[in-house]
Amino acid sequence: MSDDITSLRVHVHGFVQGIGFRDFLMTAAQQQKLDGWVRNRSDGSVEALVSGPTKAVETFVSFATKGPAGAKVSAVDLHNSEPPAEKGFVRRPSL
């Protein structure tokens, strides 16, 4: 495996539920051919685990900081993470 793979847990705060934020991130991840998942959290935030080439992960993070029309992102927390066990990008049940 090359050193150019980055795995991040991305935690997006603000007005990010009920406006298609997860679908927006699913599309961004699939366009970048990233692995991982996205889900809503009970505190109103959206959390994702994303893994792939560093440049593609950086592109995904830039999408996450903007969000779809109607989103108001107040903060994005990034934490290094282990890559997901499964390939592909999926929507997980809310937590």
N, C-alpha and C. Protein backbone atom coordinates (compact mmCIF):
# COMPACT_ATOMS: atom_id res chain seq x y z
N MET A 1 0.85 -1.18 0.00
CA MET A 1 0.00 0.00 0.00
C MET A 1 0.89 1.24 0.00
N SER A 2 0.54 2.21 -0.81
CA SER A 2 1.38 3.41 -0.91
C SER A 2 1.16 4.32 0.30
N ASP A 3 2.13 5.18 0.54
CA ASP A 3 2.04 6.14 1.64
C ASP A 3 1.05 7.25 1.33
N ASP A 4 0.56 7.29 0.10
CA ASP A 4 -0.30 8.38 -0.33
C ASP A 4 -1.76 8.15 0.04
N ILE A 5 -2.03 7.18 0.92
CA ILE A 5 -3.41 6.92 1.36
C ILE A 5 -3.64 7.62 2.69
N THR A 6 -4.73 8.36 2.76
CA THR A 6 -5.12 9.07 3.98
C THR A 6 -6.48 8.54 4.43
N SER A 7 -6.62 8.32 5.74
CA SER A 7 -7.91 7.96 6.32
C SER A 7 -8.24 8.96 7.40
N LEU A 8 -9.41 9.59 7.27
CA LEU A 8 -9.82 10.62 8.22
C LEU A 8 -11.23 10.38 8.69
N ARG A 9 -11.46 10.69 9.96
CA ARG A 9 -12.83 10.81 10.46
C ARG A 9 -13.17 12.30 10.37
N VAL A 10 -14.26 12.59 9.69
CA VAL A 10 -14.68 13.97 9.42
C VAL A 10 -15.99 14.20 10.17
N HIS A 11 -15.99 15.18 11.08
CA HIS A 11 -17.18 15.44 11.90
C HIS A 11 -17.62 16.87 11.59
N VAL A 12 -18.80 17.00 10.96
CA VAL A 12 -19.28 18.28 10.46
C VAL A 12 -20.38 18.81 11.38
N HIS A 13 -20.17 20.03 11.89
CA HIS A 13 -21.14 20.65 12.80
C HIS A 13 -21.82 21.82 12.10
N GLY A 14 -23.02 22.16 12.58
CA GLY A 14 -23.77 23.28 12.03
C GLY A 14 -25.15 22.80 11.61
N PHE A 15 -25.74 23.52 10.65
CA PHE A 15 -27.05 23.10 10.12
C PHE A 15 -26.77 22.16 8.96
N VAL A 16 -26.68 20.85 9.29
CA VAL A 16 -26.20 19.88 8.30
C VAL A 16 -27.09 18.64 8.19
N GLN A 17 -28.27 18.67 8.81
CA GLN A 17 -29.19 17.54 8.67
C GLN A 17 -30.49 18.01 8.05
N GLY A 18 -31.14 17.10 7.29
CA GLY A 18 -32.43 17.40 6.69
C GLY A 18 -32.33 18.20 5.40
N ILE A 19 -31.12 18.31 4.84
CA ILE A 19 -30.91 19.11 3.63
C ILE A 19 -30.12 18.36 2.57
N GLY A 20 -30.00 17.05 2.73
CA GLY A 20 -29.27 16.25 1.73
C GLY A 20 -27.76 16.26 1.91
N PHE A 21 -27.30 16.57 3.13
CA PHE A 21 -25.84 16.63 3.38
C PHE A 21 -25.19 15.27 3.16
N ARG A 22 -25.82 14.21 3.66
CA ARG A 22 -25.22 12.87 3.48
C ARG A 22 -25.16 12.49 2.01
N ASP A 23 -26.24 12.76 1.26
CA ASP A 23 -26.22 12.46 -0.18
C ASP A 23 -25.12 13.25 -0.89
N PHE A 24 -24.98 14.51 -0.48
CA PHE A 24 -23.95 15.39 -1.04
C PHE A 24 -22.56 14.78 -0.81
N LEU A 25 -22.31 14.30 0.42
CA LEU A 25 -21.01 13.69 0.72
C LEU A 25 -20.85 12.32 0.05
N MET A 26 -21.95 11.57 -0.08
CA MET A 26 -21.89 10.28 -0.80
C MET A 26 -21.42 10.54 -2.23
N THR A 27 -22.02 11.53 -2.89
CA THR A 27 -21.66 11.85 -4.27
C THR A 27 -20.20 12.29 -4.35
N ALA A 28 -19.78 13.16 -3.42
CA ALA A 28 -18.38 13.64 -3.41
C ALA A 28 -17.42 12.46 -3.25
N ALA A 29 -17.74 11.55 -2.33
CA ALA A 29 -16.86 10.40 -2.08
C ALA A 29 -16.80 9.48 -3.29
N GLN A 30 -17.96 9.25 -3.92
CA GLN A 30 -18.00 8.35 -5.07
C GLN A 30 -17.25 8.97 -6.26
N GLN A 31 -17.38 10.29 -6.44
CA GLN A 31 -16.64 10.96 -7.53
C GLN A 31 -15.14 10.84 -7.31
N GLN A 32 -14.72 10.87 -6.05
CA GLN A 32 -13.29 10.77 -5.73
C GLN A 32 -12.83 9.32 -5.56
N LYS A 33 -13.76 8.37 -5.72
CA LYS A 33 -13.47 6.93 -5.58
C LYS A 33 -12.89 6.59 -4.21
N LEU A 34 -13.51 7.16 -3.18
CA LEU A 34 -13.06 6.95 -1.81
C LEU A 34 -13.85 5.83 -1.14
N ASP A 35 -13.25 5.25 -0.11
CA ASP A 35 -13.91 4.25 0.72
C ASP A 35 -14.35 4.91 2.02
N GLY A 36 -15.38 4.34 2.65
CA GLY A 36 -15.80 4.83 3.95
C GLY A 36 -17.30 4.85 4.11
N TRP A 37 -17.77 5.75 4.97
CA TRP A 37 -19.20 5.82 5.28
C TRP A 37 -19.56 7.21 5.79
N VAL A 38 -20.87 7.48 5.84
CA VAL A 38 -21.39 8.73 6.37
C VAL A 38 -22.65 8.43 7.16
N ARG A 39 -22.90 9.20 8.24
CA ARG A 39 -24.12 9.02 9.02
C ARG A 39 -24.44 10.32 9.76
N ASN A 40 -25.73 10.46 10.10
CA ASN A 40 -26.16 11.54 10.98
C ASN A 40 -25.89 11.12 12.42
N ARG A 41 -25.66 12.10 13.29
CA ARG A 41 -25.53 11.84 14.72
C ARG A 41 -26.66 12.54 15.45
N SER A 42 -26.99 12.02 16.63
CA SER A 42 -28.14 12.53 17.38
C SER A 42 -27.96 13.97 17.83
N ASP A 43 -26.71 14.46 17.85
CA ASP A 43 -26.48 15.85 18.26
C ASP A 43 -26.68 16.84 17.11
N GLY A 44 -27.11 16.34 15.95
CA GLY A 44 -27.37 17.22 14.80
C GLY A 44 -26.19 17.35 13.85
N SER A 45 -25.08 16.68 14.17
CA SER A 45 -23.91 16.74 13.29
C SER A 45 -23.94 15.59 12.29
N VAL A 46 -23.02 15.65 11.33
CA VAL A 46 -22.84 14.57 10.36
C VAL A 46 -21.40 14.09 10.51
N GLU A 47 -21.24 12.77 10.54
CA GLU A 47 -19.91 12.16 10.72
C GLU A 47 -19.62 11.27 9.52
N ALA A 48 -18.37 11.30 9.06
CA ALA A 48 -17.97 10.44 7.96
C ALA A 48 -16.59 9.86 8.25
N LEU A 49 -16.36 8.69 7.71
CA LEU A 49 -15.01 8.10 7.68
C LEU A 49 -14.67 8.00 6.21
N VAL A 50 -13.55 8.57 5.82
CA VAL A 50 -13.19 8.61 4.42
C VAL A 50 -11.74 8.18 4.27
N SER A 51 -11.48 7.38 3.24
CA SER A 51 -10.14 6.82 3.05
C SER A 51 -9.84 6.72 1.56
N GLY A 52 -8.63 7.13 1.20
CA GLY A 52 -8.22 7.04 -0.20
C GLY A 52 -6.99 7.89 -0.43
N PRO A 53 -6.67 8.13 -1.71
CA PRO A 53 -5.52 8.98 -2.02
C PRO A 53 -5.63 10.34 -1.33
N THR A 54 -4.53 10.83 -0.79
CA THR A 54 -4.55 12.06 0.01
C THR A 54 -5.23 13.21 -0.72
N LYS A 55 -4.91 13.42 -2.01
CA LYS A 55 -5.51 14.53 -2.75
C LYS A 55 -7.03 14.38 -2.82
N ALA A 56 -7.51 13.16 -3.03
CA ALA A 56 -8.95 12.92 -3.11
C ALA A 56 -9.62 13.17 -1.76
N VAL A 57 -8.96 12.77 -0.67
CA VAL A 57 -9.49 13.02 0.67
C VAL A 57 -9.55 14.52 0.93
N GLU A 58 -8.52 15.26 0.51
CA GLU A 58 -8.52 16.72 0.69
C GLU A 58 -9.68 17.35 -0.07
N THR A 59 -9.96 16.85 -1.27
CA THR A 59 -11.09 17.35 -2.06
C THR A 59 -12.40 17.08 -1.33
N PHE A 60 -12.54 15.86 -0.78
CA PHE A 60 -13.74 15.51 -0.02
C PHE A 60 -13.92 16.47 1.17
N VAL A 61 -12.84 16.74 1.90
CA VAL A 61 -12.92 17.63 3.07
C VAL A 61 -13.35 19.03 2.63
N SER A 62 -12.87 19.49 1.47
CA SER A 62 -13.28 20.81 1.02
C SER A 62 -14.78 20.83 0.71
N PHE A 63 -15.31 19.73 0.17
CA PHE A 63 -16.77 19.63 -0.04
C PHE A 63 -17.49 19.66 1.30
N ALA A 64 -16.96 18.94 2.29
CA ALA A 64 -17.60 18.85 3.61
C ALA A 64 -17.65 20.21 4.29
N THR A 65 -16.65 21.06 4.05
CA THR A 65 -16.64 22.37 4.71
C THR A 65 -17.67 23.32 4.09
N LYS A 66 -18.11 23.03 2.86
CA LYS A 66 -19.11 23.88 2.19
C LYS A 66 -20.51 23.29 2.34
N GLY A 67 -20.64 22.01 1.98
CA GLY A 67 -21.95 21.37 2.03
C GLY A 67 -22.83 21.78 0.86
N PRO A 68 -24.02 21.18 0.78
CA PRO A 68 -24.96 21.51 -0.30
C PRO A 68 -25.64 22.85 -0.02
N ALA A 69 -26.41 23.32 -0.98
CA ALA A 69 -27.17 24.56 -0.79
C ALA A 69 -28.05 24.41 0.45
N GLY A 70 -28.08 25.42 1.28
CA GLY A 70 -28.89 25.37 2.50
C GLY A 70 -28.12 24.96 3.74
N ALA A 71 -26.96 24.36 3.55
CA ALA A 71 -26.15 23.96 4.71
C ALA A 71 -25.46 25.18 5.31
N LYS A 72 -25.30 25.15 6.62
CA LYS A 72 -24.51 26.18 7.31
C LYS A 72 -23.51 25.44 8.19
N VAL A 73 -22.31 25.22 7.66
CA VAL A 73 -21.27 24.49 8.38
C VAL A 73 -20.58 25.45 9.34
N SER A 74 -20.60 25.11 10.63
CA SER A 74 -19.96 25.97 11.63
C SER A 74 -18.56 25.48 11.98
N ALA A 75 -18.32 24.17 11.86
CA ALA A 75 -17.01 23.61 12.19
C ALA A 75 -16.87 22.24 11.54
N VAL A 76 -15.63 21.89 11.21
CA VAL A 76 -15.32 20.55 10.72
C VAL A 76 -14.12 20.04 11.51
N ASP A 77 -14.33 18.96 12.26
CA ASP A 77 -13.24 18.35 13.02
C ASP A 77 -12.67 17.21 12.18
N LEU A 78 -11.35 17.14 12.09
CA LEU A 78 -10.68 16.08 11.34
C LEU A 78 -9.79 15.29 12.29
N HIS A 79 -9.90 13.97 12.24
CA HIS A 79 -9.07 13.10 13.07
C HIS A 79 -8.53 11.96 12.21
N ASN A 80 -7.25 11.68 12.33
CA ASN A 80 -6.69 10.53 11.63
C ASN A 80 -7.39 9.27 12.11
N SER A 81 -7.55 8.31 11.23
CA SER A 81 -8.32 7.12 11.55
C SER A 81 -7.74 5.92 10.83
N GLU A 82 -8.17 4.75 11.26
CA GLU A 82 -7.87 3.53 10.52
C GLU A 82 -8.78 3.50 9.28
N PRO A 83 -8.32 2.94 8.17
CA PRO A 83 -9.20 2.84 7.01
C PRO A 83 -10.37 1.89 7.29
N PRO A 84 -11.49 2.07 6.59
CA PRO A 84 -12.64 1.20 6.81
C PRO A 84 -12.33 -0.23 6.36
N ALA A 85 -13.03 -1.18 6.96
CA ALA A 85 -12.80 -2.59 6.62
C ALA A 85 -13.29 -2.90 5.21
N GLU A 86 -14.38 -2.27 4.80
CA GLU A 86 -14.97 -2.60 3.51
C GLU A 86 -14.66 -1.52 2.47
N LYS A 87 -14.66 -1.95 1.21
CA LYS A 87 -14.43 -1.03 0.09
C LYS A 87 -15.76 -0.36 -0.27
N GLY A 88 -15.66 0.78 -0.93
CA GLY A 88 -16.86 1.50 -1.33
C GLY A 88 -17.26 2.51 -0.26
N PHE A 89 -18.27 3.33 -0.58
CA PHE A 89 -18.72 4.36 0.35
C PHE A 89 -20.21 4.16 0.60
N VAL A 90 -20.58 4.03 1.87
CA VAL A 90 -21.96 3.67 2.22
C VAL A 90 -22.55 4.65 3.23
N ARG A 91 -23.87 4.66 3.30
CA ARG A 91 -24.57 5.43 4.32
C ARG A 91 -24.84 4.49 5.47
N ARG A 92 -24.44 4.89 6.67
CA ARG A 92 -24.68 4.09 7.88
C ARG A 92 -25.91 4.63 8.59
N PRO A 93 -26.55 3.78 9.41
CA PRO A 93 -27.70 4.26 10.20
C PRO A 93 -27.27 5.39 11.13
N SER A 94 -28.19 6.28 11.42
CA SER A 94 -27.90 7.38 12.34
C SER A 94 -27.51 6.84 13.70
N LEU A 95 -26.70 7.62 14.41
CA LEU A 95 -26.20 7.18 15.71
C LEU A 95 -26.72 8.13 16.79
